[in-house]
PDB file of N, CA and C in Angstrom:
ATOM      1  N   MET A   1       3.007  -6.433  17.083  1.00  0.00           N
ATOM      2  CA  MET A   1       3.874  -5.592  17.891  1.00  0.00           C
ATOM      3  C   MET A   1       4.366  -6.439  19.065  1.00  0.00           C
ATOM      4  N   SER A   2       5.650  -6.421  19.253  1.00  0.00           N
ATOM      5  CA  SER A   2       6.218  -7.199  20.349  1.00  0.00           C
ATOM      6  C   SER A   2       5.965  -6.496  21.683  1.00  0.00           C
ATOM      7  N   LEU A   3       6.133  -7.244  22.741  1.00  0.00           N
ATOM      8  CA  LEU A   3       5.916  -6.686  24.079  1.00  0.00           C
ATOM      9  C   LEU A   3       6.899  -5.560  24.362  1.00  0.00           C
ATOM     10  N   GLU A   4       8.149  -5.750  23.941  1.00  0.00           N
ATOM     11  CA  GLU A   4       9.155  -4.713  24.185  1.00  0.00           C
ATOM     12  C   GLU A   4       8.804  -3.423  23.448  1.00  0.00           C
ATOM     13  N   ARG A   5       8.350  -3.537  22.214  1.00  0.00           N
ATOM     14  CA  ARG A   5       7.952  -2.355  21.437  1.00  0.00           C
ATOM     15  C   ARG A   5       6.741  -1.681  22.076  1.00  0.00           C
ATOM     16  N   PHE A   6       5.787  -2.476  22.553  1.00  0.00           N
ATOM     17  CA  PHE A   6       4.602  -1.936  23.219  1.00  0.00           C
ATOM     18  C   PHE A   6       4.996  -1.132  24.456  1.00  0.00           C
ATOM     19  N   ILE A   7       5.911  -1.658  25.249  1.00  0.00           N
ATOM     20  CA  ILE A   7       6.372  -0.956  26.448  1.00  0.00           C
ATOM     21  C   ILE A   7       7.088   0.333  26.069  1.00  0.00           C
ATOM     22  N   GLN A   8       7.936   0.288  25.054  1.00  0.00           N
ATOM     23  CA  GLN A   8       8.664   1.484  24.634  1.00  0.00           C
ATOM     24  C   GLN A   8       7.721   2.569  24.133  1.00  0.00           C
ATOM     25  N   VAL A   9       6.715   2.192  23.378  1.00  0.00           N
ATOM     26  CA  VAL A   9       5.732   3.168  22.888  1.00  0.00           C
ATOM     27  C   VAL A   9       4.979   3.781  24.059  1.00  0.00           C
ATOM     28  N   ASN A  10       4.645   2.974  25.039  1.00  0.00           N
ATOM     29  CA  ASN A  10       3.881   3.477  26.175  1.00  0.00           C
ATOM     30  C   ASN A  10       4.719   4.294  27.141  1.00  0.00           C
ATOM     31  N   LEU A  11       6.044   4.196  27.070  1.00  0.00           N
ATOM     32  CA  LEU A  11       6.883   5.092  27.862  1.00  0.00           C
ATOM     33  C   LEU A  11       6.709   6.536  27.408  1.00  0.00           C
ATOM     34  N   VAL A  12       6.319   6.729  26.157  1.00  0.00           N
ATOM     35  CA  VAL A  12       6.033   8.063  25.629  1.00  0.00           C
ATOM     36  C   VAL A  12       4.541   8.367  25.729  1.00  0.00           C
ATOM     37  N   LEU A  13       3.712   7.380  25.394  1.00  0.00           N
ATOM     38  CA  LEU A  13       2.270   7.604  25.316  1.00  0.00           C
ATOM     39  C   LEU A  13       1.613   7.811  26.680  1.00  0.00           C
ATOM     40  N   ALA A  14       2.015   7.066  27.684  1.00  0.00           N
ATOM     41  CA  ALA A  14       1.376   7.164  29.002  1.00  0.00           C
ATOM     42  C   ALA A  14       1.544   8.544  29.643  1.00  0.00           C
ATOM     43  N   PRO A  15       2.747   9.143  29.649  1.00  0.00           N
ATOM     44  CA  PRO A  15       2.841  10.504  30.206  1.00  0.00           C
ATOM     45  C   PRO A  15       2.037  11.534  29.413  1.00  0.00           C
ATOM     46  N   LEU A  16       1.966  11.352  28.084  1.00  0.00           N
ATOM     47  CA  LEU A  16       1.145  12.260  27.278  1.00  0.00           C
ATOM     48  C   LEU A  16      -0.331  12.116  27.630  1.00  0.00           C
ATOM     49  N   LEU A  17      -0.769  10.888  27.843  1.00  0.00           N
ATOM     50  CA  LEU A  17      -2.153  10.640  28.230  1.00  0.00           C
ATOM     51  C   LEU A  17      -2.453  11.233  29.601  1.00  0.00           C
ATOM     52  N   LEU A  18      -1.519  11.095  30.525  1.00  0.00           N
ATOM     53  CA  LEU A  18      -1.698  11.697  31.850  1.00  0.00           C
ATOM     54  C   LEU A  18      -1.760  13.220  31.772  1.00  0.00           C
ATOM     55  N   GLY A  19      -0.877  13.808  30.991  1.00  0.00           N
ATOM     56  CA  GLY A  19      -0.866  15.263  30.837  1.00  0.00           C
ATOM     57  C   GLY A  19      -2.133  15.779  30.188  1.00  0.00           C
ATOM     58  N   ALA A  20      -2.594  15.109  29.150  1.00  0.00           N
ATOM     59  CA  ALA A  20      -3.832  15.523  28.488  1.00  0.00           C
ATOM     60  C   ALA A  20      -5.025  15.355  29.421  1.00  0.00           C
ATOM     61  N   GLY A  21      -5.036  14.276  30.187  1.00  0.00           N
ATOM     62  CA  GLY A  21      -6.123  14.078  31.144  1.00  0.00           C
ATOM     63  C   GLY A  21      -6.142  15.143  32.218  1.00  0.00           C
ATOM     64  N   TYR A  22      -4.959  15.561  32.641  1.00  0.00           N
ATOM     65  CA  TYR A  22      -4.873  16.613  33.658  1.00  0.00           C
ATOM     66  C   TYR A  22      -5.341  17.958  33.102  1.00  0.00           C
ATOM     67  N   LEU A  23      -4.930  18.270  31.888  1.00  0.00           N
ATOM     68  CA  LEU A  23      -5.295  19.559  31.291  1.00  0.00           C
ATOM     69  C   LEU A  23      -6.781  19.647  30.944  1.00  0.00           C
ATOM     70  N   TYR A  24      -7.355  18.549  30.460  1.00  0.00           N
ATOM     71  CA  TYR A  24      -8.743  18.562  29.997  1.00  0.00           C
ATOM     72  C   TYR A  24      -9.677  17.798  30.928  1.00  0.00           C
ATOM     73  N   TYR A  25      -9.335  17.720  32.200  1.00  0.00           N
ATOM     74  CA  TYR A  25     -10.115  16.933  33.167  1.00  0.00           C
ATOM     75  C   TYR A  25     -11.576  17.375  33.226  1.00  0.00           C
ATOM     76  N   GLU A  26     -11.822  18.667  33.212  1.00  0.00           N
ATOM     77  CA  GLU A  26     -13.188  19.182  33.356  1.00  0.00           C
ATOM     78  C   GLU A  26     -14.055  18.891  32.139  1.00  0.00           C
ATOM     79  N   SER A  27     -13.454  18.776  30.963  1.00  0.00           N
ATOM     80  CA  SER A  27     -14.253  18.612  29.752  1.00  0.00           C
ATOM     81  C   SER A  27     -14.298  17.168  29.235  1.00  0.00           C
ATOM     82  N   LEU A  28     -13.665  16.230  29.941  1.00  0.00           N
ATOM     83  CA  LEU A  28     -13.694  14.834  29.498  1.00  0.00           C
ATOM     84  C   LEU A  28     -15.045  14.201  29.808  1.00  0.00           C
ATOM     85  N   PRO A  29     -15.561  13.380  28.900  1.00  0.00           N
ATOM     86  CA  PRO A  29     -16.779  12.634  29.223  1.00  0.00           C
ATOM     87  C   PRO A  29     -16.512  11.651  30.369  1.00  0.00           C
ATOM     88  N   VAL A  30     -17.538  11.322  31.090  1.00  0.00           N
ATOM     89  CA  VAL A  30     -17.394  10.474  32.276  1.00  0.00           C
ATOM     90  C   VAL A  30     -16.830   9.098  31.924  1.00  0.00           C
ATOM     91  N   ILE A  31     -17.180   8.553  30.775  1.00  0.00           N
ATOM     92  CA  ILE A  31     -16.731   7.206  30.411  1.00  0.00           C
ATOM     93  C   ILE A  31     -15.234   7.157  30.099  1.00  0.00           C
ATOM     94  N   VAL A  32     -14.650   8.289  29.723  1.00  0.00           N
ATOM     95  CA  VAL A  32     -13.230   8.305  29.356  1.00  0.00           C
ATOM     96  C   VAL A  32     -12.339   8.102  30.577  1.00  0.00           C
ATOM     97  N   LEU A  33     -12.749   8.590  31.723  1.00  0.00           N
ATOM     98  CA  LEU A  33     -11.910   8.488  32.922  1.00  0.00           C
ATOM     99  C   LEU A  33     -11.630   7.048  33.343  1.00  0.00           C
ATOM    100  N   PRO A  34     -12.642   6.189  33.512  1.00  0.00           N
ATOM    101  CA  PRO A  34     -12.318   4.810  33.902  1.00  0.00           C
ATOM    102  C   PRO A  34     -11.563   4.040  32.821  1.00  0.00           C
ATOM    103  N   ILE A  35     -11.867   4.322  31.552  1.00  0.00           N
ATOM    104  CA  ILE A  35     -11.151   3.643  30.470  1.00  0.00           C
ATOM    105  C   ILE A  35      -9.691   4.075  30.462  1.00  0.00           C
ATOM    106  N   GLY A  36      -9.437   5.361  30.591  1.00  0.00           N
ATOM    107  CA  GLY A  36      -8.067   5.867  30.617  1.00  0.00           C
ATOM    108  C   GLY A  36      -7.295   5.374  31.821  1.00  0.00           C
ATOM    109  N   LEU A  37      -7.935   5.376  32.983  1.00  0.00           N
ATOM    110  CA  LEU A  37      -7.257   4.902  34.192  1.00  0.00           C
ATOM    111  C   LEU A  37      -6.975   3.405  34.135  1.00  0.00           C
ATOM    112  N   SER A  38      -7.910   2.636  33.587  1.00  0.00           N
ATOM    113  CA  SER A  38      -7.662   1.194  33.481  1.00  0.00           C
ATOM    114  C   SER A  38      -6.547   0.912  32.474  1.00  0.00           C
ATOM    115  N   TYR A  39      -6.479   1.685  31.392  1.00  0.00           N
ATOM    116  CA  TYR A  39      -5.385   1.522  30.432  1.00  0.00           C
ATOM    117  C   TYR A  39      -4.046   1.852  31.084  1.00  0.00           C
ATOM    118  N   LEU A  40      -3.996   2.933  31.843  1.00  0.00           N
ATOM    119  CA  LEU A  40      -2.749   3.308  32.513  1.00  0.00           C
ATOM    120  C   LEU A  40      -2.329   2.263  33.538  1.00  0.00           C
ATOM    121  N   CYS A  41      -3.283   1.718  34.284  1.00  0.00           N
ATOM    122  CA  CYS A  41      -2.957   0.651  35.250  1.00  0.00           C
ATOM    123  C   CYS A  41      -2.423  -0.583  34.533  1.00  0.00           C
ATOM    124  N   PHE A  42      -3.036  -0.936  33.415  1.00  0.00           N
ATOM    125  CA  PHE A  42      -2.576  -2.072  32.619  1.00  0.00           C
ATOM    126  C   PHE A  42      -1.150  -1.848  32.136  1.00  0.00           C
ATOM    127  N   VAL A  43      -0.861  -0.652  31.644  1.00  0.00           N
ATOM    128  CA  VAL A  43       0.480  -0.335  31.144  1.00  0.00           C
ATOM    129  C   VAL A  43       1.500  -0.365  32.276  1.00  0.00           C
ATOM    130  N   ILE A  44       1.141   0.153  33.440  1.00  0.00           N
ATOM    131  CA  ILE A  44       2.064   0.161  34.577  1.00  0.00           C
ATOM    132  C   ILE A  44       2.373  -1.266  35.036  1.00  0.00           C
ATOM    133  N   VAL A  45       1.359  -2.101  35.156  1.00  0.00           N
ATOM    134  CA  VAL A  45       1.573  -3.490  35.591  1.00  0.00           C
ATOM    135  C   VAL A  45       2.393  -4.254  34.555  1.00  0.00           C
ATOM    136  N   LEU A  46       2.056  -4.090  33.281  1.00  0.00           N
ATOM    137  CA  LEU A  46       2.793  -4.779  32.230  1.00  0.00           C
ATOM    138  C   LEU A  46       4.235  -4.285  32.147  1.00  0.00           C
ATOM    139  N   GLY A  47       4.432  -2.994  32.290  1.00  0.00           N
ATOM    140  CA  GLY A  47       5.784  -2.435  32.282  1.00  0.00           C
ATOM    141  C   GLY A  47       6.608  -2.916  33.461  1.00  0.00           C
ATOM    142  N   PHE A  48       5.989  -3.003  34.624  1.00  0.00           N
ATOM    143  CA  PHE A  48       6.688  -3.511  35.805  1.00  0.00           C
ATOM    144  C   PHE A  48       7.080  -4.973  35.611  1.00  0.00           C
ATOM    145  N   ALA A  49       6.161  -5.779  35.097  1.00  0.00           N
ATOM    146  CA  ALA A  49       6.459  -7.193  34.866  1.00  0.00           C
ATOM    147  C   ALA A  49       7.568  -7.352  33.833  1.00  0.00           C
ATOM    148  N   TRP A  50       7.526  -6.562  32.771  1.00  0.00           N
ATOM    149  CA  TRP A  50       8.568  -6.620  31.748  1.00  0.00           C
ATOM    150  C   TRP A  50       9.915  -6.187  32.323  1.00  0.00           C
ATOM    151  N   GLY A  51       9.924  -5.130  33.112  1.00  0.00           N
ATOM    152  CA  GLY A  51      11.162  -4.652  33.724  1.00  0.00           C
ATOM    153  C   GLY A  51      11.756  -5.663  34.689  1.00  0.00           C
ATOM    154  N   MET A  52      10.916  -6.301  35.489  1.00  0.00           N
ATOM    155  CA  MET A  52      11.414  -7.313  36.418  1.00  0.00           C
ATOM    156  C   MET A  52      11.945  -8.534  35.664  1.00  0.00           C
ATOM    157  N   SER A  53      11.309  -8.887  34.563  1.00  0.00           N
ATOM    158  CA  SER A  53      11.794  -9.990  33.741  1.00  0.00           C
ATOM    159  C   SER A  53      13.166  -9.671  33.169  1.00  0.00           C
ATOM    160  N   ARG A  54      13.328  -8.459  32.666  1.00  0.00           N
ATOM    161  CA  ARG A  54      14.632  -8.045  32.122  1.00  0.00           C
ATOM    162  C   ARG A  54      15.693  -8.019  33.221  1.00  0.00           C
ATOM    163  N   LEU A  55      15.315  -7.554  34.401  1.00  0.00           N
ATOM    164  CA  LEU A  55      16.252  -7.497  35.515  1.00  0.00           C
ATOM    165  C   LEU A  55      16.688  -8.894  35.942  1.00  0.00           C
ATOM    166  N   SER A  56      15.748  -9.820  36.024  1.00  0.00           N
ATOM    167  CA  SER A  56      16.109 -11.182  36.434  1.00  0.00           C
ATOM    168  C   SER A  56      16.995 -11.855  35.389  1.00  0.00           C
ATOM    169  N   MET A  57      16.747 -11.596  34.103  1.00  0.00           N
ATOM    170  CA  MET A  57      17.613 -12.164  33.067  1.00  0.00           C
ATOM    171  C   MET A  57      19.009 -11.561  33.135  1.00  0.00           C
ATOM    172  N   ALA A  58      19.105 -10.279  33.453  1.00  0.00           N
ATOM    173  CA  ALA A  58      20.415  -9.632  33.553  1.00  0.00           C
ATOM    174  C   ALA A  58      21.188 -10.136  34.767  1.00  0.00           C
ATOM    175  N   LEU A  59      20.490 -10.411  35.853  1.00  0.00           N
ATOM    176  CA  LEU A  59      21.161 -10.886  37.059  1.00  0.00           C
ATOM    177  C   LEU A  59      21.600 -12.344  36.944  1.00  0.00           C
ATOM    178  N   GLU A  60      20.902 -13.135  36.142  1.00  0.00           N
ATOM    179  CA  GLU A  60      21.270 -14.539  35.973  1.00  0.00           C
ATOM    180  C   GLU A  60      22.560 -14.696  35.188  1.00  0.00           C
ATOM    181  N   SER A  61      22.812 -13.815  34.241  1.00  0.00           N
ATOM    182  CA  SER A  61      24.012 -13.971  33.403  1.00  0.00           C
ATOM    183  C   SER A  61      25.149 -13.090  33.845  1.00  0.00           C
TER     184      SER A  61
END
């Protein structure tokens, strides 16, 4: 899976994960919270880096 495809999939998956976490917060096991939050942080940082890369390439040409 390419980086661009990964980012596009996570544009849909990350909000769904946030919504599910919000709805089922009380019934989630304790280990799921740090794993889910670390995954979301990873996706946000990677998405930001990918977006800035695309922006810099667009501004150069």
